[in-house]
């Protein structure tokens, strides 16, 4: 079992503190979701964990100091999928997913049979084997998201970071992607940290929610504990109803006429 422990993480961009005193602990098999209003610092916090932006604080993975690791070594522990990942025009799906093995290759080394087999297996597991020769620019939004996750999985890192994995996807693709993430974290025993805008979806899938506002953690716990009418009104400025269905909170916008 692998554990990621983060304490007092801070990110400054220019003269502004974007993330302040951010702390969390997660072990493989768990799913934690970071929520919060626009500009809360969700994506920046995820980038800091991935080492994409500089930060201060303590980042330990199994008591190893992540911040002291080289980029390649860090990628063996943490894989990261951006909200809108860059996908080179003309590159095939197979070659793009194979890039996830780069972290495990020595400088100037070529991919081994194990690297190629790992890529083939991940494509099959994610039902993407029929796509492997297609160009990335020919994919739909849902297909692109699955391919981006496939590349992250070929890194075989115990921690998977996903920034808004369902952005711009219709409800069917959202369910496919979220069900996939949920299955993978259980089957492969990986820890998943995501960011999400949709509060109802965030309340259904992850084990734990972490609410950010102005770069600081203001609430953390189960969806039932975090997603309250009062808290959503205060931090999002939104009128909502929260309905409990099968033990999960459903967050519904409150129409002004209904309030009247």
Protein backbone atom coordinates (compact mmCIF):
# COMPACT_ATOMS: atom_id res chain seq x y z
CA UNK A 1 0.00 0.00 0.00
CA UNK A 2 1.38 3.38 -1.07
CA UNK A 3 0.63 6.58 0.84
CA UNK A 4 0.88 10.18 -0.34
CA UNK A 5 1.15 12.69 2.53
CA UNK A 6 1.04 16.42 1.84
CA UNK A 7 1.44 19.08 4.53
CA UNK A 8 1.42 22.87 4.41
CA UNK A 9 1.63 22.99 0.61
CA UNK A 10 1.75 26.56 -0.71
CA UNK A 11 1.89 27.92 -4.26
CA UNK A 12 2.73 31.52 -5.11
CA UNK A 13 2.30 32.89 -8.61
CA UNK A 14 3.73 36.37 -8.97
CA UNK A 15 2.94 38.15 -5.74
CA UNK A 16 -0.26 36.19 -5.14
CA UNK A 17 -0.70 33.09 -3.02
CA UNK A 18 -2.90 30.70 -5.01
CA UNK A 19 -2.76 27.69 -2.66
CA UNK A 20 -2.20 28.13 1.06
CA UNK A 21 -1.52 25.55 3.78
CA UNK A 22 -2.90 22.65 1.73
CA UNK A 23 -2.69 19.23 3.40
CA UNK A 24 -4.02 15.77 2.60
CA UNK A 25 -3.29 12.08 3.02
CA UNK A 26 -4.39 9.38 0.60
CA UNK A 27 -3.53 5.71 0.17
CA UNK A 28 -3.88 3.41 -2.82
CA UNK A 29 -7.46 2.31 -3.48
CA UNK A 30 -8.94 5.63 -2.36
CA UNK A 31 -10.50 8.41 -4.44
CA UNK A 32 -10.35 12.00 -3.19
CA UNK A 33 -12.01 14.84 -5.08
CA UNK A 34 -11.09 18.51 -4.78
CA UNK A 35 -14.05 20.85 -5.30
CA UNK A 36 -14.51 24.59 -5.00
CA UNK A 37 -15.72 27.68 -6.86
CA UNK A 38 -13.92 29.09 -9.89
CA UNK A 39 -10.53 30.49 -8.93
CA UNK A 40 -10.34 28.48 -5.70
CA UNK A 41 -6.99 26.95 -6.63
CA UNK A 42 -8.11 23.41 -7.48
CA UNK A 43 -6.11 22.97 -10.68
CA UNK A 44 -3.08 24.72 -9.22
CA UNK A 45 -3.08 22.39 -6.21
CA UNK A 46 -3.16 19.38 -8.53
CA UNK A 47 -0.32 20.80 -10.63
CA UNK A 48 1.73 21.35 -7.49
CA UNK A 49 1.27 17.71 -6.49
CA UNK A 50 2.37 16.68 -9.97
CA UNK A 51 5.38 19.00 -9.86
CA UNK A 52 4.12 21.04 -12.83
CA UNK A 53 4.28 24.28 -10.81
CA UNK A 54 6.77 25.07 -8.03
CA UNK A 55 5.54 24.86 -4.45
CA UNK A 56 6.71 24.84 -0.85
CA UNK A 57 5.71 22.45 1.90
CA UNK A 58 6.09 18.75 2.57
CA UNK A 59 5.28 16.13 -0.07
CA UNK A 60 6.05 12.57 0.94
CA UNK A 61 5.28 9.33 -0.81
CA UNK A 62 5.99 6.34 1.40
CA UNK A 63 8.22 8.69 3.43
CA UNK A 64 10.25 9.64 0.33
CA UNK A 65 10.59 13.36 -0.41
CA UNK A 66 8.83 13.99 -3.73
CA UNK A 67 10.11 17.54 -4.03
CA UNK A 68 13.71 16.28 -4.01
CA UNK A 69 13.11 13.84 -6.87
CA UNK A 70 14.03 14.40 -10.49
CA UNK A 71 11.09 14.84 -12.87
CA UNK A 72 11.51 11.34 -14.32
CA UNK A 73 11.64 9.70 -10.87
CA UNK A 74 8.62 11.67 -9.67
CA UNK A 75 6.64 10.49 -12.71
CA UNK A 76 7.17 6.90 -11.60
CA UNK A 77 5.16 7.73 -8.48
CA UNK A 78 2.59 10.22 -9.77
CA UNK A 79 0.87 10.44 -13.15
CA UNK A 80 -1.06 13.56 -14.15
CA UNK A 81 -3.75 14.23 -16.76
CA UNK A 82 -4.40 17.91 -17.46
CA UNK A 83 -7.89 19.27 -18.02
CA UNK A 84 -7.14 19.69 -21.73
CA UNK A 85 -4.11 17.47 -22.42
CA UNK A 86 -1.90 18.36 -25.37
CA UNK A 87 -2.26 15.74 -28.09
CA UNK A 88 0.08 16.17 -31.07
CA UNK A 89 -1.74 16.31 -34.39
CA UNK A 90 -1.01 13.28 -36.54
CA UNK A 91 0.32 11.09 -33.73
CA UNK A 92 -1.26 7.66 -33.41
CA UNK A 93 -3.10 6.58 -30.28
CA UNK A 94 -0.60 3.78 -29.69
CA UNK A 95 2.44 6.08 -29.89
CA UNK A 96 0.80 8.62 -27.59
CA UNK A 97 -0.10 6.02 -24.95
CA UNK A 98 3.40 4.52 -25.24
CA UNK A 99 4.81 7.90 -24.16
CA UNK A 100 3.64 7.03 -20.66
CA UNK A 101 6.57 4.59 -20.45
CA UNK A 102 9.10 7.42 -20.87
CA UNK A 103 9.51 7.81 -17.10
CA UNK A 104 10.88 4.27 -16.91
CA UNK A 105 13.40 4.58 -19.75
CA UNK A 106 17.03 5.51 -19.39
CA UNK A 107 18.30 8.45 -21.39
CA UNK A 108 18.44 7.64 -25.15
CA UNK A 109 16.98 4.17 -24.48
CA UNK A 110 14.31 2.70 -26.75
CA UNK A 111 11.14 0.98 -25.63
CA UNK A 112 11.50 -2.64 -24.61
CA UNK A 113 9.11 -5.49 -25.36
CA UNK A 114 7.73 -4.99 -21.84
CA UNK A 115 6.93 -1.35 -22.63
CA UNK A 116 5.17 -2.33 -25.85
CA UNK A 117 3.23 -5.14 -24.14
CA UNK A 118 2.22 -2.86 -21.28
CA UNK A 119 0.83 -0.34 -23.77
CA UNK A 120 -1.05 -3.05 -25.68
CA UNK A 121 -2.54 -4.40 -22.44
CA UNK A 122 -3.71 -0.97 -21.26
CA UNK A 123 -5.34 -0.26 -24.62
CA UNK A 124 -7.17 -3.58 -24.45
CA UNK A 125 -8.24 -3.03 -20.86
CA UNK A 126 -9.72 0.37 -21.72
CA UNK A 127 -11.38 -0.99 -24.89
CA UNK A 128 -9.10 1.17 -27.05
CA UNK A 129 -7.24 -1.54 -28.95
CA UNK A 130 -9.30 -0.88 -32.09
CA UNK A 131 -8.24 2.79 -31.89
CA UNK A 132 -4.48 2.26 -31.64
CA UNK A 133 -3.68 3.15 -35.26
CA UNK A 134 -6.01 6.13 -35.40
CA UNK A 135 -4.73 9.67 -35.34
CA UNK A 136 -5.31 11.58 -32.10
CA UNK A 137 -7.03 14.44 -33.94
CA UNK A 138 -9.72 12.03 -35.20
CA UNK A 139 -10.99 11.21 -31.69
CA UNK A 140 -14.13 12.46 -29.99
CA UNK A 141 -13.99 14.17 -26.60
CA UNK A 142 -14.79 11.01 -24.67
CA UNK A 143 -12.29 8.98 -26.66
CA UNK A 144 -9.57 11.58 -26.07
CA UNK A 145 -10.20 11.44 -22.34
CA UNK A 146 -9.89 7.65 -22.26
CA UNK A 147 -6.69 7.83 -24.30
CA UNK A 148 -5.23 10.43 -21.91
CA UNK A 149 -6.05 8.16 -18.96
CA UNK A 150 -4.50 5.22 -20.84
CA UNK A 151 -1.24 7.13 -21.24
CA UNK A 152 -1.23 7.92 -17.51
CA UNK A 153 -1.85 4.26 -16.66
CA UNK A 154 1.10 3.07 -18.74
CA UNK A 155 3.31 4.98 -16.30
CA UNK A 156 2.21 2.40 -13.71
CA UNK A 157 2.30 5.08 -11.02
CA UNK A 158 0.44 4.39 -7.77
CA UNK A 159 -1.01 7.94 -7.67
CA UNK A 160 -3.23 9.24 -10.50
CA UNK A 161 -4.14 12.94 -10.72
CA UNK A 162 -7.01 13.95 -13.02
CA UNK A 163 -7.96 17.59 -13.56
CA UNK A 164 -11.66 17.87 -14.46
CA UNK A 165 -11.80 14.48 -16.24
CA UNK A 166 -15.39 14.98 -17.44
CA UNK A 167 -15.16 18.56 -18.75
CA UNK A 168 -17.22 19.10 -21.92
CA UNK A 169 -18.45 15.50 -21.99
CA UNK A 170 -22.12 14.60 -22.31
CA UNK A 171 -23.74 12.55 -19.56
CA UNK A 172 -23.10 9.22 -21.28
CA UNK A 173 -19.38 9.86 -21.73
CA UNK A 174 -19.20 11.26 -18.18
CA UNK A 175 -20.57 8.01 -16.79
CA UNK A 176 -18.18 5.94 -18.94
CA UNK A 177 -15.13 7.90 -17.78
CA UNK A 178 -16.14 7.98 -14.10
CA UNK A 179 -17.04 4.28 -14.05
CA UNK A 180 -13.67 3.57 -15.66
CA UNK A 181 -11.80 5.59 -13.02
CA UNK A 182 -13.75 3.90 -10.25
CA UNK A 183 -12.98 0.42 -11.60
CA UNK A 184 -9.31 1.15 -12.19
CA UNK A 185 -8.62 2.50 -8.71
CA UNK A 186 -10.13 -0.66 -7.22
CA UNK A 187 -8.68 -3.21 -9.64
CA UNK A 188 -5.22 -1.67 -9.93
CA UNK A 189 -5.06 -0.44 -6.34
CA UNK A 190 -4.15 3.12 -7.29
CA UNK A 191 -4.96 6.32 -5.44
CA UNK A 192 -6.98 8.85 -7.45
CA UNK A 193 -7.19 12.60 -6.87
CA UNK A 194 -9.50 14.54 -9.16
CA UNK A 195 -10.92 18.03 -9.42
CA UNK A 196 -14.59 18.49 -10.36
CA UNK A 197 -17.12 21.25 -10.92
CA UNK A 198 -20.27 19.11 -10.85
CA UNK A 199 -21.13 18.73 -7.17
CA UNK A 200 -23.64 15.93 -7.64
CA UNK A 201 -21.15 13.82 -9.59
CA UNK A 202 -18.47 14.65 -7.01
CA UNK A 203 -20.82 13.43 -4.31
CA UNK A 204 -21.52 10.08 -5.96
CA UNK A 205 -18.15 8.59 -6.93
CA UNK A 206 -15.23 9.68 -4.68
CA UNK A 207 -14.69 8.46 -1.12
CA UNK A 208 -13.85 11.90 0.22
CA UNK A 209 -14.29 15.54 -0.77
CA UNK A 210 -11.97 18.43 -0.08
CA UNK A 211 -13.50 21.91 -0.49
CA UNK A 212 -11.14 24.73 -1.46
CA UNK A 213 -11.97 28.45 -1.29
CA UNK A 214 -9.44 31.19 -1.90
CA UNK A 215 -6.70 28.59 -1.96
CA UNK A 216 -7.47 27.19 1.48
CA UNK A 217 -9.19 24.02 2.64
CA UNK A 218 -12.47 25.01 4.27
CA UNK A 219 -14.09 21.58 4.57
CA UNK A 220 -13.06 17.95 4.19
CA UNK A 221 -14.91 14.71 4.69
CA UNK A 222 -17.62 12.57 3.13
CA UNK A 223 -19.97 14.04 0.54
CA UNK A 224 -22.77 14.15 3.12
CA UNK A 225 -20.55 16.13 5.48
CA UNK A 226 -19.22 18.60 2.91
CA UNK A 227 -22.13 19.21 0.54
CA UNK A 228 -24.57 21.14 2.71
CA UNK A 229 -26.97 23.86 1.56
CA UNK A 230 -25.35 26.39 3.89
CA UNK A 231 -21.80 25.65 2.79
CA UNK A 232 -22.66 25.75 -0.91
CA UNK A 233 -24.50 29.04 -0.45
CA UNK A 234 -21.56 30.55 1.43
CA UNK A 235 -18.69 29.45 -0.82
CA UNK A 236 -20.39 29.21 -4.22
CA UNK A 237 -23.01 31.94 -3.78
CA UNK A 238 -25.57 29.46 -5.11
CA UNK A 239 -29.17 28.67 -4.19
CA UNK A 240 -29.52 24.89 -4.05
CA UNK A 241 -31.44 22.03 -2.54
CA UNK A 242 -29.61 18.93 -1.36
CA UNK A 243 -31.59 15.70 -1.66
CA UNK A 244 -30.27 12.47 -0.19
CA UNK A 245 -30.73 9.53 -2.53
CA UNK A 246 -29.38 6.10 -1.64
CA UNK A 247 -27.08 7.71 0.89
CA UNK A 248 -25.61 10.18 -1.63
CA UNK A 249 -26.30 13.94 -1.79
CA UNK A 250 -27.83 15.29 -5.01
CA UNK A 251 -27.23 19.03 -5.42
CA UNK A 252 -30.07 20.71 -7.34
CA UNK A 253 -30.17 24.39 -8.35
CA UNK A 254 -33.02 26.24 -6.64
CA UNK A 255 -35.20 28.24 -9.05
CA UNK A 256 -35.86 31.80 -7.86
CA UNK A 257 -39.62 31.40 -8.48
CA UNK A 258 -39.68 28.32 -6.24
CA UNK A 259 -38.00 30.29 -3.44
CA UNK A 260 -40.56 33.06 -3.83
